[in-house]
N, C-alpha and C. Protein backbone atom coordinates (compact mmCIF):
# COMPACT_ATOMS: atom_id res chain seq x y z
N MET A 1 0.65 -1.11 0.22
CA MET A 1 0.05 -0.07 -0.06
C MET A 1 0.74 1.25 0.19
N GLU A 2 1.74 1.30 1.02
CA GLU A 2 2.71 2.63 0.80
C GLU A 2 3.26 2.99 -0.45
N ASN A 3 3.80 2.12 -1.06
CA ASN A 3 4.40 2.12 -2.39
C ASN A 3 3.64 2.92 -3.14
N ARG A 4 2.50 2.67 -3.36
CA ARG A 4 1.37 3.08 -4.48
C ARG A 4 1.13 4.42 -3.96
N LEU A 5 1.58 5.06 -2.85
CA LEU A 5 1.25 6.49 -2.49
C LEU A 5 2.25 7.19 -2.88
N ILE A 6 3.54 6.89 -3.31
CA ILE A 6 4.82 7.33 -3.30
C ILE A 6 4.65 7.64 -5.40
N PRO A 7 4.61 8.78 -5.72
CA PRO A 7 4.90 9.01 -7.14
C PRO A 7 6.08 8.31 -7.78
N SER A 8 6.11 7.98 -8.86
CA SER A 8 7.44 7.28 -9.70
C SER A 8 8.31 8.21 -10.11
N ASP A 9 8.13 9.53 -10.07
CA ASP A 9 8.81 10.54 -10.81
C ASP A 9 9.66 11.31 -9.44
N VAL A 10 9.91 10.81 -8.37
CA VAL A 10 10.41 11.49 -7.27
C VAL A 10 11.90 11.03 -7.23
N THR A 11 12.75 11.82 -6.52
CA THR A 11 14.26 11.59 -6.33
C THR A 11 14.36 10.46 -5.22
N GLU A 12 15.54 9.73 -4.94
CA GLU A 12 15.54 9.00 -3.78
C GLU A 12 15.17 9.46 -2.71
N GLN A 13 15.89 11.02 -2.51
CA GLN A 13 15.79 11.68 -1.05
C GLN A 13 14.21 11.93 -0.81
N GLU A 14 13.45 12.48 -1.82
CA GLU A 14 12.17 12.71 -1.72
C GLU A 14 11.36 11.39 -1.54
N GLY A 15 11.74 10.29 -1.95
CA GLY A 15 11.01 9.09 -1.77
C GLY A 15 11.14 8.48 -0.20
N LYS A 16 12.36 8.66 0.23
CA LYS A 16 12.63 8.54 1.74
C LYS A 16 11.76 9.34 2.51
N ILE A 17 11.57 10.51 2.22
CA ILE A 17 10.84 11.63 3.00
C ILE A 17 9.21 11.21 2.82
N LEU A 18 8.80 10.93 1.90
CA LEU A 18 7.42 10.38 1.62
C LEU A 18 7.36 9.34 2.37
N LYS A 19 8.08 8.21 2.28
CA LYS A 19 7.95 7.02 2.86
C LYS A 19 7.64 7.14 4.66
N TYR A 20 8.75 7.92 5.08
CA TYR A 20 8.53 8.49 6.29
C TYR A 20 7.38 8.74 6.78
N LEU A 21 6.96 9.99 5.93
CA LEU A 21 5.51 10.80 6.11
C LEU A 21 4.43 9.40 6.06
N VAL A 22 4.47 8.71 5.22
CA VAL A 22 3.27 7.46 5.20
C VAL A 22 3.24 6.91 6.75
N ASN A 23 4.37 6.51 7.24
CA ASN A 23 4.34 5.87 8.55
C ASN A 23 4.17 6.98 9.62
N ASN A 24 4.61 8.15 9.64
CA ASN A 24 4.56 9.01 10.71
C ASN A 24 3.71 10.20 10.58
N LYS A 25 3.07 10.33 9.70
CA LYS A 25 2.17 11.56 9.36
C LYS A 25 2.83 12.78 9.33
N THR A 26 3.80 13.29 10.03
CA THR A 26 4.63 14.56 10.08
C THR A 26 6.04 14.50 10.41
N ILE A 27 6.78 15.28 9.78
CA ILE A 27 8.39 15.35 9.74
C ILE A 27 8.56 16.85 10.13
N LYS A 28 9.81 16.99 10.76
CA LYS A 28 10.44 18.39 11.05
C LYS A 28 11.78 18.18 10.08
N SER A 29 12.21 19.60 9.89
CA SER A 29 13.21 19.79 8.95
C SER A 29 14.55 19.18 9.37
N LYS A 30 14.53 18.97 11.12
CA LYS A 30 15.76 18.28 11.74
C LYS A 30 15.86 16.70 11.47
N THR A 31 14.43 16.32 11.56
CA THR A 31 14.23 14.88 11.30
C THR A 31 14.93 14.30 9.91
N VAL A 32 14.53 15.23 8.81
CA VAL A 32 14.97 15.06 7.49
C VAL A 32 16.51 15.07 7.60
N GLU A 33 17.12 16.14 8.03
CA GLU A 33 18.64 16.26 8.26
C GLU A 33 19.11 14.68 8.73
N GLU A 34 18.62 14.41 9.79
CA GLU A 34 19.05 13.24 10.32
C GLU A 34 18.73 11.73 9.39
N LEU A 35 17.43 11.69 8.91
CA LEU A 35 17.09 10.68 7.88
C LEU A 35 18.02 10.38 6.85
N LEU A 36 18.44 11.63 6.23
CA LEU A 36 19.14 11.61 4.80
C LEU A 36 20.35 11.91 5.00
N GLY A 37 21.08 12.54 6.31
CA GLY A 37 22.43 12.90 6.42
C GLY A 37 22.77 13.92 5.87
N ILE A 38 21.95 14.92 5.68
CA ILE A 38 22.39 16.20 4.88
C ILE A 38 22.29 17.44 5.73
N LYS A 39 22.91 18.61 5.27
CA LYS A 39 23.08 19.65 6.09
C LYS A 39 21.67 20.43 5.91
N GLU A 40 21.63 21.35 6.91
CA GLU A 40 20.26 22.40 7.12
C GLU A 40 19.85 22.93 5.65
N SER A 41 20.83 23.45 4.93
CA SER A 41 20.47 24.35 3.79
C SER A 41 20.00 23.24 2.67
N ARG A 42 20.58 22.32 2.59
CA ARG A 42 20.04 21.26 1.57
C ARG A 42 18.71 20.67 2.04
N THR A 43 18.34 20.47 3.21
CA THR A 43 17.07 20.07 3.75
C THR A 43 16.03 21.29 3.37
N ARG A 44 16.35 22.74 3.62
CA ARG A 44 15.35 23.49 3.47
C ARG A 44 15.25 23.57 1.71
N GLU A 45 16.18 23.49 1.23
CA GLU A 45 15.80 23.37 -0.43
C GLU A 45 15.04 22.29 -0.96
N LEU A 46 15.39 21.02 -0.37
CA LEU A 46 14.70 19.75 -0.66
C LEU A 46 13.31 19.84 -0.29
N LEU A 47 12.93 20.37 0.98
CA LEU A 47 11.53 20.56 1.39
C LEU A 47 10.88 21.58 0.60
N LYS A 48 11.33 22.75 0.15
CA LYS A 48 10.83 23.65 -0.48
C LYS A 48 10.37 23.29 -1.80
N LYS A 49 11.29 22.33 -2.48
CA LYS A 49 11.05 21.90 -3.67
C LYS A 49 9.88 20.79 -3.69
N MET A 50 9.84 20.20 -2.70
CA MET A 50 8.82 19.20 -2.58
C MET A 50 7.31 19.72 -2.36
N ALA A 51 7.45 20.88 -1.49
CA ALA A 51 6.21 21.58 -1.46
C ALA A 51 5.71 22.33 -2.84
N GLU A 52 6.68 22.92 -3.67
CA GLU A 52 6.23 23.36 -4.86
C GLU A 52 5.58 22.10 -5.75
N LYS A 53 6.25 21.09 -5.67
CA LYS A 53 5.72 19.85 -6.50
C LYS A 53 4.27 19.47 -6.05
N ASN A 54 3.82 19.92 -4.79
CA ASN A 54 2.89 19.53 -4.40
C ASN A 54 2.74 18.20 -3.64
N LEU A 55 3.82 17.82 -3.18
CA LEU A 55 3.83 16.57 -2.67
C LEU A 55 3.81 16.62 -1.18
N ILE A 56 4.37 17.43 -0.55
CA ILE A 56 4.16 18.01 1.09
C ILE A 56 3.60 19.13 1.32
N VAL A 57 3.03 19.63 2.52
CA VAL A 57 2.57 20.80 2.72
C VAL A 57 3.04 21.34 4.09
N LYS A 58 3.54 22.50 4.08
CA LYS A 58 4.25 22.88 5.41
C LYS A 58 3.17 23.61 6.37
N PHE A 59 3.36 23.35 7.72
CA PHE A 59 2.19 23.99 8.74
C PHE A 59 2.92 24.35 9.77
N GLY A 60 2.39 25.28 10.56
CA GLY A 60 3.09 25.79 11.91
C GLY A 60 4.11 26.95 11.42
N SER A 61 4.74 27.58 12.44
CA SER A 61 5.73 28.74 12.22
C SER A 61 6.71 28.57 13.36
N GLY A 62 7.75 29.20 12.66
CA GLY A 62 9.08 29.15 13.72
C GLY A 62 9.52 27.96 14.19
N ARG A 63 9.71 27.66 15.12
CA ARG A 63 10.48 26.39 15.83
C ARG A 63 9.60 24.92 15.47
N SER A 64 8.35 25.70 15.25
CA SER A 64 7.17 24.61 15.23
C SER A 64 6.70 24.01 13.70
N ILE A 65 7.63 24.63 12.85
CA ILE A 65 7.20 23.94 11.50
C ILE A 65 7.34 22.33 11.18
N ASN A 66 6.20 21.95 10.76
CA ASN A 66 6.32 20.57 10.36
C ASN A 66 6.03 20.46 8.90
N TYR A 67 5.93 19.13 8.30
CA TYR A 67 5.54 19.03 7.04
C TYR A 67 4.79 17.76 7.11
N LYS A 68 3.69 17.62 6.31
CA LYS A 68 2.99 16.59 5.98
C LYS A 68 2.53 16.15 4.74
N LEU A 69 2.04 15.18 4.49
CA LEU A 69 1.58 14.73 2.96
C LEU A 69 0.67 15.65 2.49
N THR A 70 0.44 16.07 1.43
CA THR A 70 -0.67 16.76 0.79
C THR A 70 -1.76 15.97 0.57
N LYS A 71 -2.94 16.23 0.40
CA LYS A 71 -4.18 15.51 0.31
C LYS A 71 -4.19 14.61 -1.03
N VAL A 72 -3.47 15.49 -2.01
CA VAL A 72 -3.26 14.57 -3.27
C VAL A 72 -2.60 13.51 -3.11
N ILE A 73 -1.53 13.37 -2.29
CA ILE A 73 -0.77 11.91 -2.01
C ILE A 73 -1.47 10.93 -1.19
N THR A 74 -2.36 11.60 -0.19
CA THR A 74 -2.83 10.74 0.90
C THR A 74 -4.31 9.91 0.18
N ASP A 75 -4.75 10.61 -0.89
CA ASP A 75 -6.10 10.29 -1.51
C ASP A 75 -5.46 9.20 -2.80
N ALA A 76 -4.39 9.13 -2.87
CA ALA A 76 -4.09 8.25 -4.01
C ALA A 76 -4.23 6.81 -3.85
């Protein structure tokens, strides 16, 4: 079931984030850094691109920013 939710045109890093979100519902940028072993700047860039592709949605503000799957993905 979880693989059907992941679009086929995502990068390996995007796929890892999406799989995490299928199982955990939300993710923080710090978790992405640790999950992928990347720096904060790359994490911000990656999450921004994923939001632009309508894969994830950002919510909260300041230190409470989280990301979750978009309705498009969860309804797939």
